[in-house]
Amino acid sequence: MEIQKIADKLALKELVDTFSNLADIKDTKTQAQLFVEDANLESFNGDYHSIQTGRDGIEAACANFLSLFDTVYHLNGQQVVEIDDNGQRATGTAYCHVVLIGKNEDGKTVQTTQGVRYNDGYVKIDNNWKIANRTSHFVYTDTKEL
């Protein structure tokens, strides 16, 4: 494997990890900058489906969702990426274990644990990788009272 491809794979791993780290501290303004201007963020969670387009829409959706929780914790796992022959576009699949702690409608503290699979499209702009599209599949959700 050539050095540039290794560097690109490391940069893409850092991009995905940075997305999660910024979610944990609820810095959605910086998080949105990880996307291209006209990016799509699509989510599937059971019967629920949503799609956000553009950085502003993505930032607002992420901020609204994260505001529901006092504690947000992402633990990223495996990631596999394929980089095109030109080294300017890539696709990837990444897995994440997410723990969310907050109050439910009754005011009780609950912990929601989710398994998420991200299917991503990436593009390199000015030698920096950005997320062009992300599809989030919430594979499982478990909620318990603390």
N, C-alpha and C. Protein backbone atom coordinates (compact mmCIF):
# COMPACT_ATOMS: atom_id res chain seq x y z
N MET A 1 0.86 -1.18 0.00
CA MET A 1 0.00 0.00 0.00
C MET A 1 0.90 1.24 0.00
N GLU A 2 0.56 2.18 -0.83
CA GLU A 2 1.38 3.38 -0.93
C GLU A 2 1.18 4.30 0.27
N ILE A 3 2.18 5.12 0.53
CA ILE A 3 2.18 6.00 1.69
C ILE A 3 0.99 6.96 1.69
N GLN A 4 0.64 7.53 0.53
CA GLN A 4 -0.48 8.47 0.47
C GLN A 4 -1.79 7.79 0.86
N LYS A 5 -2.00 6.56 0.43
CA LYS A 5 -3.23 5.85 0.77
C LYS A 5 -3.30 5.59 2.28
N ILE A 6 -2.18 5.24 2.87
CA ILE A 6 -2.13 5.04 4.33
C ILE A 6 -2.46 6.36 5.04
N ALA A 7 -1.86 7.45 4.59
CA ALA A 7 -2.12 8.76 5.19
C ALA A 7 -3.60 9.14 5.05
N ASP A 8 -4.19 8.85 3.89
CA ASP A 8 -5.61 9.15 3.68
C ASP A 8 -6.49 8.32 4.60
N LYS A 9 -6.17 7.06 4.77
CA LYS A 9 -6.98 6.21 5.66
C LYS A 9 -6.90 6.71 7.10
N LEU A 10 -5.72 7.12 7.53
CA LEU A 10 -5.58 7.68 8.88
C LEU A 10 -6.38 8.99 9.01
N ALA A 11 -6.32 9.82 7.98
CA ALA A 11 -7.07 11.09 8.01
C ALA A 11 -8.58 10.84 8.06
N LEU A 12 -9.05 9.82 7.34
CA LEU A 12 -10.48 9.50 7.36
C LEU A 12 -10.90 8.95 8.72
N LYS A 13 -10.07 8.16 9.36
CA LYS A 13 -10.36 7.67 10.70
C LYS A 13 -10.43 8.84 11.67
N GLU A 14 -9.50 9.78 11.54
CA GLU A 14 -9.52 10.95 12.41
C GLU A 14 -10.76 11.81 12.17
N LEU A 15 -11.20 11.92 10.93
CA LEU A 15 -12.41 12.67 10.60
C LEU A 15 -13.62 12.06 11.31
N VAL A 16 -13.77 10.76 11.22
CA VAL A 16 -14.90 10.07 11.86
C VAL A 16 -14.81 10.20 13.38
N ASP A 17 -13.62 10.03 13.93
CA ASP A 17 -13.45 10.15 15.38
C ASP A 17 -13.71 11.58 15.85
N THR A 18 -13.29 12.56 15.08
CA THR A 18 -13.52 13.96 15.44
C THR A 18 -15.01 14.28 15.45
N PHE A 19 -15.76 13.74 14.49
CA PHE A 19 -17.21 13.92 14.48
C PHE A 19 -17.80 13.46 15.82
N SER A 20 -17.39 12.28 16.28
CA SER A 20 -17.90 11.74 17.54
C SER A 20 -17.44 12.55 18.74
N ASN A 21 -16.16 12.93 18.76
CA ASN A 21 -15.65 13.73 19.88
C ASN A 21 -16.40 15.05 20.00
N LEU A 22 -16.67 15.69 18.88
CA LEU A 22 -17.40 16.96 18.91
C LEU A 22 -18.85 16.77 19.35
N ALA A 23 -19.45 15.64 19.00
CA ALA A 23 -20.81 15.34 19.48
C ALA A 23 -20.81 15.22 21.00
N ASP A 24 -19.78 14.58 21.54
CA ASP A 24 -19.71 14.37 22.99
C ASP A 24 -19.66 15.68 23.77
N ILE A 25 -19.06 16.71 23.18
CA ILE A 25 -19.01 18.01 23.87
C ILE A 25 -20.05 18.98 23.30
N LYS A 26 -20.90 18.47 22.43
CA LYS A 26 -22.01 19.22 21.84
C LYS A 26 -21.55 20.45 21.06
N ASP A 27 -20.41 20.34 20.41
CA ASP A 27 -19.89 21.44 19.59
C ASP A 27 -20.35 21.21 18.15
N THR A 28 -21.64 21.46 17.92
CA THR A 28 -22.22 21.17 16.61
C THR A 28 -21.79 22.18 15.55
N LYS A 29 -21.39 23.36 15.96
CA LYS A 29 -20.91 24.35 14.99
C LYS A 29 -19.63 23.86 14.32
N THR A 30 -18.68 23.40 15.12
CA THR A 30 -17.43 22.85 14.56
C THR A 30 -17.71 21.53 13.85
N GLN A 31 -18.59 20.74 14.42
CA GLN A 31 -18.94 19.44 13.82
C GLN A 31 -19.48 19.62 12.40
N ALA A 32 -20.31 20.62 12.20
CA ALA A 32 -20.89 20.86 10.87
C ALA A 32 -19.82 21.20 9.84
N GLN A 33 -18.71 21.77 10.28
CA GLN A 33 -17.62 22.12 9.36
C GLN A 33 -16.88 20.89 8.84
N LEU A 34 -17.14 19.73 9.42
CA LEU A 34 -16.54 18.49 8.93
C LEU A 34 -17.21 18.02 7.64
N PHE A 35 -18.36 18.63 7.31
CA PHE A 35 -19.13 18.27 6.13
C PHE A 35 -18.86 19.27 5.00
N VAL A 36 -19.06 18.83 3.76
CA VAL A 36 -19.05 19.77 2.65
C VAL A 36 -20.30 20.64 2.77
N GLU A 37 -20.29 21.77 2.11
CA GLU A 37 -21.38 22.75 2.24
C GLU A 37 -22.76 22.14 1.92
N ASP A 38 -22.85 21.30 0.90
CA ASP A 38 -24.15 20.75 0.48
C ASP A 38 -24.32 19.28 0.88
N ALA A 39 -23.71 18.89 1.98
CA ALA A 39 -23.75 17.50 2.43
C ALA A 39 -25.16 17.05 2.80
N ASN A 40 -25.34 15.74 2.84
CA ASN A 40 -26.57 15.12 3.32
C ASN A 40 -26.26 14.27 4.54
N LEU A 41 -27.13 14.35 5.54
CA LEU A 41 -27.07 13.50 6.72
C LEU A 41 -28.42 12.82 6.84
N GLU A 42 -28.42 11.51 6.64
CA GLU A 42 -29.66 10.74 6.65
C GLU A 42 -29.62 9.75 7.81
N SER A 43 -30.75 9.58 8.49
CA SER A 43 -30.82 8.69 9.65
C SER A 43 -32.00 7.74 9.53
N PHE A 44 -31.74 6.50 9.91
CA PHE A 44 -32.77 5.47 10.00
C PHE A 44 -32.73 4.90 11.41
N ASN A 45 -33.87 4.98 12.10
CA ASN A 45 -33.96 4.46 13.46
C ASN A 45 -35.34 3.83 13.62
N GLY A 46 -35.43 2.53 13.39
CA GLY A 46 -36.73 1.87 13.39
C GLY A 46 -37.57 2.42 12.26
N ASP A 47 -38.78 2.88 12.59
CA ASP A 47 -39.67 3.47 11.59
C ASP A 47 -39.34 4.94 11.30
N TYR A 48 -38.47 5.51 12.11
CA TYR A 48 -38.12 6.93 11.94
C TYR A 48 -37.06 7.09 10.85
N HIS A 49 -37.29 8.07 9.98
CA HIS A 49 -36.34 8.39 8.92
C HIS A 49 -36.26 9.91 8.80
N SER A 50 -35.04 10.43 8.71
CA SER A 50 -34.88 11.87 8.50
C SER A 50 -33.71 12.10 7.56
N ILE A 51 -33.74 13.25 6.91
CA ILE A 51 -32.63 13.67 6.06
C ILE A 51 -32.43 15.17 6.24
N GLN A 52 -31.19 15.54 6.46
CA GLN A 52 -30.81 16.95 6.59
C GLN A 52 -29.86 17.27 5.45
N THR A 53 -30.01 18.44 4.87
CA THR A 53 -29.16 18.85 3.76
C THR A 53 -28.47 20.16 4.09
N GLY A 54 -27.19 20.23 3.82
CA GLY A 54 -26.41 21.44 4.05
C GLY A 54 -25.91 21.54 5.47
N ARG A 55 -24.83 22.28 5.62
CA ARG A 55 -24.22 22.41 6.95
C ARG A 55 -25.17 23.00 7.98
N ASP A 56 -25.94 24.02 7.59
CA ASP A 56 -26.84 24.65 8.55
C ASP A 56 -27.90 23.67 9.04
N GLY A 57 -28.47 22.90 8.12
CA GLY A 57 -29.48 21.91 8.50
C GLY A 57 -28.90 20.82 9.37
N ILE A 58 -27.70 20.39 9.03
CA ILE A 58 -27.03 19.34 9.81
C ILE A 58 -26.72 19.86 11.21
N GLU A 59 -26.19 21.07 11.29
CA GLU A 59 -25.87 21.65 12.60
C GLU A 59 -27.12 21.77 13.47
N ALA A 60 -28.20 22.27 12.90
CA ALA A 60 -29.44 22.45 13.67
C ALA A 60 -29.99 21.11 14.15
N ALA A 61 -30.00 20.12 13.28
CA ALA A 61 -30.53 18.80 13.65
C ALA A 61 -29.69 18.17 14.76
N CYS A 62 -28.38 18.25 14.62
CA CYS A 62 -27.50 17.67 15.65
C CYS A 62 -27.65 18.42 16.97
N ALA A 63 -27.72 19.74 16.93
CA ALA A 63 -27.88 20.53 18.15
C ALA A 63 -29.20 20.21 18.84
N ASN A 64 -30.28 20.12 18.07
CA ASN A 64 -31.59 19.80 18.65
C ASN A 64 -31.57 18.43 19.31
N PHE A 65 -30.97 17.45 18.64
CA PHE A 65 -30.93 16.09 19.19
C PHE A 65 -30.07 16.05 20.46
N LEU A 66 -28.87 16.59 20.40
CA LEU A 66 -27.96 16.52 21.54
C LEU A 66 -28.46 17.30 22.74
N SER A 67 -29.29 18.31 22.52
CA SER A 67 -29.82 19.11 23.63
C SER A 67 -30.74 18.30 24.54
N LEU A 68 -31.18 17.15 24.07
CA LEU A 68 -32.06 16.29 24.87
C LEU A 68 -31.32 15.55 25.97
N PHE A 69 -29.98 15.60 25.96
CA PHE A 69 -29.19 14.76 26.85
C PHE A 69 -28.19 15.58 27.66
N ASP A 70 -27.97 15.12 28.91
CA ASP A 70 -26.96 15.74 29.77
C ASP A 70 -25.57 15.18 29.46
N THR A 71 -25.51 13.90 29.14
CA THR A 71 -24.24 13.22 28.85
C THR A 71 -24.35 12.53 27.51
N VAL A 72 -23.32 12.72 26.70
CA VAL A 72 -23.24 12.09 25.37
C VAL A 72 -21.86 11.45 25.28
N TYR A 73 -21.83 10.16 24.91
CA TYR A 73 -20.55 9.44 24.86
C TYR A 73 -20.53 8.49 23.67
N HIS A 74 -19.60 8.73 22.75
CA HIS A 74 -19.42 7.88 21.57
C HIS A 74 -18.15 7.06 21.72
N LEU A 75 -18.23 5.80 21.38
CA LEU A 75 -17.06 4.93 21.34
C LEU A 75 -17.01 4.32 19.95
N ASN A 76 -16.11 4.83 19.11
CA ASN A 76 -16.01 4.35 17.74
C ASN A 76 -15.25 3.03 17.69
N GLY A 77 -15.66 2.20 16.74
CA GLY A 77 -15.03 0.90 16.54
C GLY A 77 -14.39 0.81 15.18
N GLN A 78 -14.64 -0.31 14.54
CA GLN A 78 -13.99 -0.57 13.25
C GLN A 78 -14.48 0.38 12.17
N GLN A 79 -13.58 0.64 11.23
CA GLN A 79 -13.89 1.46 10.07
C GLN A 79 -13.16 0.85 8.88
N VAL A 80 -13.88 0.72 7.78
CA VAL A 80 -13.29 0.24 6.53
C VAL A 80 -13.58 1.30 5.47
N VAL A 81 -12.54 1.73 4.75
CA VAL A 81 -12.71 2.73 3.70
C VAL A 81 -12.12 2.24 2.39
N GLU A 82 -12.72 2.72 1.31
CA GLU A 82 -12.21 2.49 -0.04
C GLU A 82 -11.98 3.86 -0.67
N ILE A 83 -10.76 4.10 -1.11
CA ILE A 83 -10.39 5.37 -1.72
C ILE A 83 -10.32 5.18 -3.22
N ASP A 84 -10.89 6.12 -3.98
CA ASP A 84 -10.88 5.99 -5.44
C ASP A 84 -9.46 6.12 -6.00
N ASP A 85 -9.31 5.78 -7.26
CA ASP A 85 -7.99 5.79 -7.89
C ASP A 85 -7.35 7.16 -7.94
N ASN A 86 -8.16 8.21 -7.95
CA ASN A 86 -7.62 9.58 -7.98
C ASN A 86 -7.25 10.09 -6.59
N GLY A 87 -7.68 9.36 -5.55
CA GLY A 87 -7.38 9.78 -4.19
C GLY A 87 -8.16 10.99 -3.73
N GLN A 88 -9.29 11.28 -4.41
CA GLN A 88 -10.08 12.48 -4.08
C GLN A 88 -11.45 12.16 -3.50
N ARG A 89 -11.88 10.93 -3.62
CA ARG A 89 -13.18 10.50 -3.08
C ARG A 89 -12.99 9.16 -2.38
N ALA A 90 -13.85 8.92 -1.41
CA ALA A 90 -13.78 7.65 -0.69
C ALA A 90 -15.17 7.32 -0.15
N THR A 91 -15.35 6.05 0.13
CA THR A 91 -16.55 5.59 0.83
C THR A 91 -16.08 4.80 2.05
N GLY A 92 -16.94 4.75 3.05
CA GLY A 92 -16.54 4.03 4.25
C GLY A 92 -17.72 3.59 5.08
N THR A 93 -17.46 2.58 5.89
CA THR A 93 -18.42 2.10 6.88
C THR A 93 -17.72 2.14 8.23
N ALA A 94 -18.39 2.74 9.21
CA ALA A 94 -17.84 2.84 10.56
C ALA A 94 -18.92 2.44 11.56
N TYR A 95 -18.48 1.86 12.67
CA TYR A 95 -19.40 1.43 13.72
C TYR A 95 -19.15 2.23 14.98
N CYS A 96 -20.24 2.49 15.72
CA CYS A 96 -20.15 3.32 16.91
C CYS A 96 -21.13 2.83 17.98
N HIS A 97 -20.66 2.82 19.22
CA HIS A 97 -21.47 2.52 20.40
C HIS A 97 -21.72 3.86 21.09
N VAL A 98 -22.99 4.21 21.25
CA VAL A 98 -23.34 5.53 21.77
C VAL A 98 -24.13 5.38 23.08
N VAL A 99 -23.74 6.16 24.08
CA VAL A 99 -24.47 6.20 25.35
C VAL A 99 -24.97 7.63 25.54
N LEU A 100 -26.27 7.76 25.79
CA LEU A 100 -26.92 9.05 25.99
C LEU A 100 -27.64 9.02 27.33
N ILE A 101 -27.40 10.01 28.17
CA ILE A 101 -28.05 10.06 29.48
C ILE A 101 -28.79 11.39 29.60
N GLY A 102 -30.05 11.30 29.98
CA GLY A 102 -30.87 12.49 30.14
C GLY A 102 -32.17 12.16 30.85
N LYS A 103 -33.03 13.14 30.95
CA LYS A 103 -34.32 12.96 31.61
C LYS A 103 -35.38 12.55 30.59
N ASN A 104 -36.27 11.66 31.01
CA ASN A 104 -37.39 11.30 30.14
C ASN A 104 -38.57 12.24 30.42
N GLU A 105 -39.71 11.95 29.81
CA GLU A 105 -40.90 12.81 29.96
C GLU A 105 -41.36 12.91 31.40
N ASP A 106 -41.07 11.88 32.20
CA ASP A 106 -41.49 11.85 33.60
C ASP A 106 -40.45 12.46 34.54
N GLY A 107 -39.36 12.99 33.97
CA GLY A 107 -38.32 13.61 34.78
C GLY A 107 -37.33 12.63 35.37
N LYS A 108 -37.43 11.37 34.99
CA LYS A 108 -36.50 10.36 35.50
C LYS A 108 -35.27 10.29 34.60
N THR A 109 -34.13 10.01 35.22
CA THR A 109 -32.89 9.90 34.47
C THR A 109 -32.83 8.54 33.79
N VAL A 110 -32.60 8.56 32.49
CA VAL A 110 -32.51 7.31 31.72
C VAL A 110 -31.23 7.30 30.90
N GLN A 111 -30.77 6.09 30.66
CA GLN A 111 -29.61 5.87 29.79
C GLN A 111 -30.08 5.15 28.54
N THR A 112 -29.78 5.73 27.40
CA THR A 112 -30.09 5.12 26.11
C THR A 112 -28.76 4.70 25.48
N THR A 113 -28.68 3.43 25.13
CA THR A 113 -27.48 2.89 24.49
C THR A 113 -27.85 2.47 23.09
N GLN A 114 -27.04 2.90 22.12
CA GLN A 114 -27.34 2.61 20.72
C GLN A 114 -26.12 2.06 20.00
N GLY A 115 -26.39 1.16 19.08
CA GLY A 115 -25.38 0.69 18.15
C GLY A 115 -25.66 1.34 16.81
N VAL A 116 -24.68 2.04 16.27
CA VAL A 116 -24.88 2.80 15.03
C VAL A 116 -23.87 2.37 13.98
N ARG A 117 -24.36 2.19 12.77
CA ARG A 117 -23.48 1.93 11.62
C ARG A 117 -23.60 3.13 10.69
N TYR A 118 -22.46 3.74 10.39
CA TYR A 118 -22.41 4.89 9.48
C TYR A 118 -21.91 4.42 8.12
N ASN A 119 -22.66 4.76 7.08
CA ASN A 119 -22.20 4.56 5.70
C ASN A 119 -21.92 5.96 5.16
N ASP A 120 -20.65 6.21 4.87
CA ASP A 120 -20.21 7.56 4.53
C ASP A 120 -19.67 7.66 3.11
N GLY A 121 -19.79 8.86 2.57
CA GLY A 121 -19.09 9.26 1.36
C GLY A 121 -18.22 10.45 1.73
N TYR A 122 -16.97 10.42 1.29
CA TYR A 122 -16.01 11.48 1.63
C TYR A 122 -15.46 12.10 0.35
N VAL A 123 -15.04 13.35 0.48
CA VAL A 123 -14.39 14.03 -0.63
C VAL A 123 -13.22 14.84 -0.07
N LYS A 124 -12.14 14.88 -0.82
CA LYS A 124 -10.97 15.66 -0.40
C LYS A 124 -11.02 17.03 -1.07
N ILE A 125 -11.02 18.07 -0.22
CA ILE A 125 -11.07 19.45 -0.70
C ILE A 125 -9.87 20.18 -0.11
N ASP A 126 -9.06 20.78 -0.97
CA ASP A 126 -7.85 21.49 -0.53
C ASP A 126 -7.01 20.61 0.40
N ASN A 127 -6.88 19.35 0.02
CA ASN A 127 -6.07 18.37 0.73
C ASN A 127 -6.62 17.98 2.11
N ASN A 128 -7.90 18.29 2.37
CA ASN A 128 -8.56 17.91 3.63
C ASN A 128 -9.80 17.09 3.31
N TRP A 129 -9.97 15.99 4.02
CA TRP A 129 -11.14 15.15 3.84
C TRP A 129 -12.34 15.76 4.54
N LYS A 130 -13.50 15.71 3.87
CA LYS A 130 -14.78 16.16 4.41
C LYS A 130 -15.82 15.06 4.19
N ILE A 131 -16.87 15.10 4.97
CA ILE A 131 -17.98 14.17 4.79
C ILE A 131 -18.92 14.78 3.75
N ALA A 132 -19.16 14.05 2.67
CA ALA A 132 -20.09 14.51 1.63
C ALA A 132 -21.50 14.00 1.92
N ASN A 133 -21.59 12.79 2.43
CA ASN A 133 -22.88 12.24 2.83
C ASN A 133 -22.66 11.19 3.89
N ARG A 134 -23.60 11.14 4.82
CA ARG A 134 -23.55 10.15 5.90
C ARG A 134 -24.95 9.59 6.09
N THR A 135 -25.02 8.27 6.09
CA THR A 135 -26.27 7.58 6.41
C THR A 135 -26.05 6.83 7.71
N SER A 136 -26.85 7.17 8.72
CA SER A 136 -26.74 6.57 10.05
C SER A 136 -27.83 5.53 10.21
N HIS A 137 -27.42 4.32 10.51
CA HIS A 137 -28.36 3.23 10.77
C HIS A 137 -28.28 2.89 12.26
N PHE A 138 -29.35 3.18 12.99
CA PHE A 138 -29.40 2.85 14.40
C PHE A 138 -29.86 1.40 14.50
N VAL A 139 -28.90 0.51 14.68
CA VAL A 139 -29.13 -0.93 14.58
C VAL A 139 -29.86 -1.45 15.81
N TYR A 140 -29.52 -0.94 16.98
CA TYR A 140 -30.24 -1.34 18.19
C TYR A 140 -30.27 -0.17 19.16
N THR A 141 -31.29 -0.18 20.01
CA THR A 141 -31.44 0.83 21.05
C THR A 141 -31.92 0.14 22.31
N ASP A 142 -31.28 0.46 23.42
CA ASP A 142 -31.68 -0.07 24.72
C ASP A 142 -31.79 1.10 25.69
N THR A 143 -32.91 1.21 26.37
CA THR A 143 -33.11 2.30 27.32
C THR A 143 -33.41 1.73 28.69
N LYS A 144 -32.74 2.30 29.70
CA LYS A 144 -33.00 1.86 31.07
C LYS A 144 -32.98 3.05 32.01
N GLU A 145 -33.72 2.93 33.07
CA GLU A 145 -33.76 3.97 34.08
C GLU A 145 -32.54 3.84 34.98
N LEU A 146 -31.96 4.98 35.33
CA LEU A 146 -30.79 4.96 36.23
C LEU A 146 -31.20 5.31 37.64
